[in-house]
Amino acid sequence: MGKVCVVYHSVYGHTKVQADAVADGARSVPDTEVHLIPVQQVDLNWDHLHGADALIFGTPTYMGTVSAEFKAFMDKTSMFWANQPWKDKRCRRNGRSRD
């Protein structure tokens, strides 16, 4: 069984629509467990993230970079760097130029 986590930040709902579509696509693969995680709830879901086979990130783009809320999530991951629990995971970023 594969495990996929879709972590996203959405202000106006556009990125959430994309995250939902990505999660639905992943769920269409037999025996795949999918967790849809808003960045505001990431602290409750570290175990899911560490146990996932694939991580997919969704964020709007503001001023040429990710949103501040998504950047805060990225910064939180630095506490795991030494143990590298995400080493060798498949990762993908799904972004929008406007949210």
Protein backbone atom coordinates (compact mmCIF):
# COMPACT_ATOMS: atom_id res chain seq x y z
CA MET A 1 0.00 0.00 0.00
CA GLY A 2 1.30 3.48 -0.88
CA LYS A 3 0.90 6.49 1.36
CA VAL A 4 0.60 10.01 -0.06
CA CYS A 5 0.38 13.30 1.82
CA VAL A 6 -0.86 16.45 0.11
CA VAL A 7 0.13 19.53 2.14
CA TYR A 8 -1.33 22.82 0.95
CA HIS A 9 -2.04 26.43 1.83
CA SER A 10 -4.97 28.27 0.28
CA VAL A 11 -6.32 31.74 0.99
CA TYR A 12 -9.21 32.10 -1.46
CA GLY A 13 -9.80 28.40 -2.11
CA HIS A 14 -8.14 27.98 -5.52
CA THR A 15 -5.15 26.02 -4.24
CA LYS A 16 -7.47 23.86 -2.11
CA VAL A 17 -9.42 22.94 -5.25
CA GLN A 18 -6.15 21.84 -6.85
CA ALA A 19 -5.10 19.95 -3.70
CA ASP A 20 -8.46 18.16 -3.63
CA ALA A 21 -8.05 17.16 -7.29
CA VAL A 22 -4.51 15.87 -6.65
CA ALA A 23 -5.73 13.90 -3.61
CA ASP A 24 -8.63 12.46 -5.63
CA GLY A 25 -6.20 11.38 -8.33
CA ALA A 26 -3.96 9.69 -5.78
CA ARG A 27 -6.98 7.96 -4.21
CA SER A 28 -7.86 6.50 -7.60
CA VAL A 29 -4.73 4.32 -7.38
CA PRO A 30 -5.68 1.04 -5.71
CA ASP A 31 -4.37 0.52 -2.17
CA THR A 32 -3.24 4.12 -1.77
CA GLU A 33 -3.77 5.93 1.53
CA VAL A 34 -4.06 9.71 1.07
CA HIS A 35 -3.90 12.46 3.68
CA LEU A 36 -4.95 16.00 2.70
CA ILE A 37 -3.26 18.36 5.17
CA PRO A 38 -3.71 22.15 5.34
CA VAL A 39 -0.51 23.82 6.57
CA GLN A 40 -2.45 25.13 9.56
CA GLN A 41 -2.84 21.50 10.75
CA VAL A 42 0.64 20.21 9.94
CA ASP A 43 1.68 20.03 13.61
CA LEU A 44 -1.01 17.36 14.09
CA ASN A 45 0.21 15.34 11.12
CA TRP A 46 4.00 14.93 11.34
CA ASP A 47 3.63 11.15 11.73
CA HIS A 48 1.66 10.96 8.47
CA LEU A 49 4.30 13.06 6.70
CA HIS A 50 7.19 10.99 7.98
CA GLY A 51 5.43 7.74 7.06
CA ALA A 52 4.42 8.81 3.55
CA ASP A 53 5.94 7.39 0.38
CA ALA A 54 5.19 10.60 -1.50
CA LEU A 55 4.76 14.24 -0.48
CA ILE A 56 2.90 16.72 -2.66
CA PHE A 57 2.95 20.41 -1.78
CA GLY A 58 0.45 23.03 -2.94
CA THR A 59 0.85 26.75 -2.41
CA PRO A 60 -0.08 30.00 -4.06
CA THR A 61 2.77 32.14 -5.32
CA TYR A 62 3.10 35.63 -3.91
CA MET A 63 5.82 38.04 -5.04
CA GLY A 64 7.61 35.19 -6.82
CA THR A 65 7.70 32.75 -3.90
CA VAL A 66 5.47 30.57 -1.73
CA SER A 67 3.00 32.09 0.73
CA ALA A 68 4.26 33.11 4.18
CA GLU A 69 2.18 30.37 5.81
CA PHE A 70 3.69 27.73 3.56
CA LYS A 71 7.18 29.13 4.16
CA ALA A 72 6.55 28.79 7.91
CA PHE A 73 5.74 25.10 7.32
CA MET A 74 8.95 24.72 5.32
CA ASP A 75 10.92 26.31 8.14
CA LYS A 76 9.39 23.87 10.66
CA THR A 77 10.76 20.95 8.66
CA SER A 78 14.31 22.07 9.47
CA MET A 79 13.99 20.41 12.89
CA PHE A 80 13.96 17.05 11.11
CA TRP A 81 17.00 17.69 8.94
CA ALA A 82 19.50 15.73 11.06
CA ASN A 83 17.41 12.54 11.00
CA GLN A 84 16.28 13.05 7.39
CA PRO A 85 12.94 11.22 7.67
CA TRP A 86 11.97 12.48 4.20
CA LYS A 87 15.10 11.21 2.47
CA ASP A 88 14.33 9.26 -0.71
CA LYS A 89 10.64 10.27 -0.73
CA ARG A 90 8.98 11.34 -3.95
CA CYS A 91 8.09 15.02 -3.80
CA ARG A 92 6.16 17.37 -6.06
CA ARG A 93 5.14 21.01 -5.78
CA ASN A 94 1.84 22.15 -7.21
CA GLY A 95 1.64 25.94 -7.28
CA ARG A 96 -0.42 28.76 -8.59
CA SER A 97 0.66 32.22 -9.60
CA ARG A 98 -2.49 33.58 -7.98
CA ASP A 99 -4.68 32.17 -5.23
